[in-house]
Amino acid sequence: MKGHKLFWVGMMFITIWTNSLIGTTDIKNWLIENTLTILALLFLIINYKKHRFSNSSYFLICVFLCLHVYGSKYTYADNTFGYWLQDVFDTSRNQYDRLVHFSFGFLLYHPLREFYLNWLKFPNRIATIIPISTIFSLSAFYEILEWLVADVFFVEEGVSYLGTQGDVWDAQKDMAMAFLGVVIAYGIYYRCVLSKQPKSNI
């Protein structure tokens, strides 16, 4: 049953990923954005036989990757769903970039907890807390990577790739959104699971 569910999760991602390539408005930006997507997929595929996530974690990872590849279709700054959010909330910028950074923290908390608990065999207490610092560290690393890609390796695509939309504090706000997402995910997990366990197990 698990393999059947994963098949449909995989098909959903492949469909959205293919659509993002076919309908992209900037193929160079699409290729740059999806480098990390390919690396993430290779990691999951290579480790599938030895280390597996739960169905819920694979689904959460899939949702995040779908959000990311959909962003690469139009570039984050010109994403159509982001413009819809901009109109609905009457904001001064396209909010899709903020949504994906928030989702990075919110959606990947549970898979990271499983990674530390089941793959690396960390104690439950540490495996529950450490994803917060991991998300924050990865967010900082990604912002540094964005700078290198945009200012050193692919200067011509820099503006499209960064998607700062004129905000000099864009990197810091992106990190803050990821941090907010993972803290909320931890809060939900604590409220729904940890608070119901004996204190000796937390």
Protein backbone atom coordinates (compact mmCIF):
# COMPACT_ATOMS: atom_id res chain seq x y z
CA MET A 1 0.00 0.00 0.00
CA LYS A 2 2.89 2.29 0.82
CA GLY A 3 4.40 1.88 -2.65
CA HIS A 4 1.02 2.56 -4.27
CA LYS A 5 0.66 5.84 -2.41
CA LEU A 6 4.21 6.89 -3.20
CA PHE A 7 3.58 6.18 -6.89
CA TRP A 8 0.76 8.72 -6.99
CA VAL A 9 2.78 11.24 -5.00
CA GLY A 10 5.59 10.82 -7.51
CA MET A 11 3.23 11.17 -10.46
CA MET A 12 1.82 14.38 -9.01
CA PHE A 13 5.29 15.85 -8.72
CA ILE A 14 6.39 14.73 -12.21
CA THR A 15 3.24 16.26 -13.72
CA ILE A 16 3.79 19.63 -12.03
CA TRP A 17 7.52 19.55 -12.75
CA THR A 18 6.94 18.81 -16.44
CA ASN A 19 4.33 21.56 -16.66
CA SER A 20 6.77 24.01 -15.09
CA LEU A 21 9.35 23.20 -17.79
CA ILE A 22 6.93 23.30 -20.71
CA GLY A 23 5.38 26.59 -19.63
CA THR A 24 8.46 28.34 -18.28
CA THR A 25 9.03 31.95 -19.23
CA ASP A 26 12.76 31.82 -18.49
CA ILE A 27 14.52 28.54 -19.31
CA LYS A 28 17.89 29.64 -17.92
CA ASN A 29 16.35 30.58 -14.60
CA TRP A 30 14.38 27.29 -14.61
CA LEU A 31 17.59 25.31 -14.99
CA ILE A 32 19.32 27.20 -12.19
CA GLU A 33 16.34 26.92 -9.84
CA ASN A 34 15.95 23.18 -10.46
CA THR A 35 19.56 22.24 -9.79
CA LEU A 36 18.72 21.81 -6.10
CA THR A 37 15.51 19.97 -7.05
CA ILE A 38 17.52 17.38 -8.95
CA LEU A 39 20.00 17.01 -6.09
CA ALA A 40 17.13 16.51 -3.62
CA LEU A 41 15.53 13.86 -5.82
CA LEU A 42 18.84 12.04 -6.24
CA PHE A 43 19.29 12.02 -2.47
CA LEU A 44 15.84 10.51 -1.96
CA ILE A 45 16.27 7.91 -4.71
CA ILE A 46 19.78 6.81 -3.70
CA ASN A 47 18.76 6.37 -0.06
CA TYR A 48 15.35 4.81 -0.71
CA LYS A 49 16.34 1.18 -0.17
CA LYS A 50 18.40 1.78 2.96
CA HIS A 51 16.58 4.72 4.52
CA ARG A 52 12.95 5.57 3.92
CA PHE A 53 10.69 8.32 5.17
CA SER A 54 7.09 7.76 6.17
CA ASN A 55 4.32 8.39 3.65
CA SER A 56 3.45 11.64 5.37
CA SER A 57 7.04 12.89 5.10
CA TYR A 58 7.29 11.99 1.42
CA PHE A 59 4.03 13.85 0.84
CA LEU A 60 5.27 16.95 2.68
CA ILE A 61 8.54 16.88 0.72
CA CYS A 62 6.56 16.52 -2.51
CA VAL A 63 4.33 19.50 -1.69
CA PHE A 64 7.37 21.67 -0.98
CA LEU A 65 9.13 20.61 -4.19
CA CYS A 66 5.92 21.27 -6.14
CA LEU A 67 5.75 24.79 -4.72
CA HIS A 68 9.39 25.32 -5.63
CA VAL A 69 9.16 24.07 -9.22
CA TYR A 70 5.95 26.03 -9.77
CA GLY A 71 7.91 29.09 -8.69
CA SER A 72 10.62 28.28 -11.23
CA LYS A 73 8.04 28.23 -14.02
CA TYR A 74 7.49 32.00 -14.02
CA THR A 75 10.38 33.08 -11.74
CA TYR A 76 9.43 33.77 -8.15
CA ALA A 77 9.01 37.51 -8.62
CA ASP A 78 6.55 37.06 -11.53
CA ASN A 79 4.64 34.05 -10.25
CA THR A 80 0.95 34.23 -11.16
CA PHE A 81 -0.29 32.78 -7.86
CA GLY A 82 1.91 35.31 -6.09
CA TYR A 83 0.20 38.13 -7.99
CA TRP A 84 -3.14 36.73 -6.86
CA LEU A 85 -1.92 36.79 -3.25
CA GLN A 86 -0.68 40.31 -3.80
CA ASP A 87 -4.14 41.43 -4.92
CA VAL A 88 -5.98 39.55 -2.16
CA PHE A 89 -3.83 40.91 0.67
CA ASP A 90 -3.18 44.26 -1.03
CA THR A 91 0.59 44.07 -0.61
CA SER A 92 3.31 45.99 -2.43
CA ARG A 93 5.10 42.91 -3.79
CA ASN A 94 4.57 39.43 -5.20
CA GLN A 95 4.40 37.22 -2.10
CA TYR A 96 5.13 33.83 -3.68
CA ASP A 97 8.79 33.91 -2.64
CA ARG A 98 7.80 34.46 0.99
CA LEU A 99 5.27 31.62 0.78
CA VAL A 100 7.88 29.11 -0.41
CA HIS A 101 10.40 30.14 2.25
CA PHE A 102 7.71 29.76 4.92
CA SER A 103 6.81 26.36 3.46
CA PHE A 104 10.46 25.31 3.59
CA GLY A 105 10.35 25.52 7.37
CA PHE A 106 6.75 24.44 7.88
CA LEU A 107 6.66 21.44 5.53
CA LEU A 108 10.15 20.04 6.14
CA TYR A 109 10.09 20.00 9.94
CA HIS A 110 8.49 16.54 10.11
CA PRO A 111 10.80 14.91 7.49
CA LEU A 112 13.85 16.38 9.23
CA ARG A 113 12.66 15.06 12.58
CA GLU A 114 12.34 11.59 11.03
CA PHE A 115 15.78 11.96 9.49
CA TYR A 116 17.42 12.66 12.83
CA LEU A 117 15.32 10.16 14.77
CA ASN A 118 15.24 7.16 12.40
CA TRP A 119 18.25 7.65 10.14
CA LEU A 120 20.81 9.11 12.55
CA LYS A 121 19.28 7.57 15.69
CA PHE A 122 19.28 10.79 17.69
CA PRO A 123 17.37 10.78 20.99
CA ASN A 124 13.76 11.86 20.67
CA ARG A 125 14.30 15.14 22.54
CA ILE A 126 17.17 16.20 20.26
CA ALA A 127 15.49 14.96 17.07
CA THR A 128 12.46 17.08 17.94
CA ILE A 129 14.38 20.31 18.51
CA ILE A 130 17.32 20.18 16.10
CA PRO A 131 15.22 20.59 12.89
CA ILE A 132 14.62 24.20 13.98
CA SER A 133 18.32 25.06 13.92
CA THR A 134 18.78 22.97 10.77
CA ILE A 135 16.14 24.94 8.88
CA PHE A 136 17.61 28.23 10.04
CA SER A 137 21.12 27.14 9.01
CA LEU A 138 19.97 25.84 5.62
CA SER A 139 18.08 29.10 5.02
CA ALA A 140 21.24 31.09 5.67
CA PHE A 141 23.25 28.74 3.44
CA TYR A 142 20.68 29.12 0.65
CA GLU A 143 20.85 32.91 0.82
CA ILE A 144 24.65 32.71 0.51
CA LEU A 145 24.23 30.30 -2.41
CA GLU A 146 21.80 32.74 -4.06
CA TRP A 147 24.39 35.49 -3.76
CA LEU A 148 27.11 33.31 -5.33
CA VAL A 149 24.85 32.20 -8.18
CA ALA A 150 23.57 35.70 -8.90
CA ASP A 151 26.75 37.71 -8.43
CA VAL A 152 29.52 35.28 -9.37
CA PHE A 153 28.40 32.38 -11.56
CA PHE A 154 25.30 33.55 -13.48
CA VAL A 155 25.38 37.34 -13.38
CA GLU A 156 22.97 37.79 -16.29
CA GLU A 157 20.31 35.73 -14.54
CA GLY A 158 21.00 37.28 -11.17
CA VAL A 159 18.00 39.59 -10.94
CA SER A 160 15.51 36.91 -12.00
CA TYR A 161 17.04 34.32 -9.71
CA LEU A 162 17.16 36.51 -6.60
CA GLY A 163 13.67 37.97 -7.03
CA THR A 164 14.31 40.63 -4.38
CA GLN A 165 11.81 43.02 -6.00
CA GLY A 166 13.81 45.98 -4.75
CA ASP A 167 13.79 44.91 -1.08
CA VAL A 168 17.28 45.29 0.43
CA TRP A 169 16.20 43.13 3.39
CA ASP A 170 14.87 40.31 1.20
CA ALA A 171 17.40 37.70 2.36
CA GLN A 172 16.77 38.40 6.03
CA LYS A 173 12.99 38.30 5.56
CA ASP A 174 13.23 35.02 3.66
CA MET A 175 15.19 33.50 6.53
CA ALA A 176 12.68 34.87 9.01
CA MET A 177 9.79 33.27 7.10
CA ALA A 178 11.50 29.87 7.08
CA PHE A 179 12.20 30.21 10.80
CA LEU A 180 8.58 31.18 11.46
CA GLY A 181 7.39 28.17 9.46
CA VAL A 182 9.51 25.64 11.35
CA VAL A 183 8.62 27.14 14.74
CA ILE A 184 4.91 26.88 13.92
CA ALA A 185 5.39 23.28 12.73
CA TYR A 186 7.20 22.47 15.97
CA GLY A 187 4.42 24.15 17.95
CA ILE A 188 1.78 22.04 16.21
CA TYR A 189 3.79 18.86 16.80
CA TYR A 190 4.30 19.76 20.44
CA ARG A 191 0.61 20.53 20.94
CA CYS A 192 -0.65 17.42 19.16
CA VAL A 193 1.97 14.83 20.15
CA LEU A 194 4.51 15.82 22.77
CA SER A 195 2.08 17.38 25.23
CA LYS A 196 0.22 14.05 25.40
CA GLN A 197 3.34 11.99 26.15
CA PRO A 198 4.77 11.32 29.63
CA LYS A 199 7.45 13.88 30.42
CA SER A 200 10.05 11.13 30.64
CA ASN A 201 9.58 10.40 26.91
CA ILE A 202 9.91 13.98 25.69
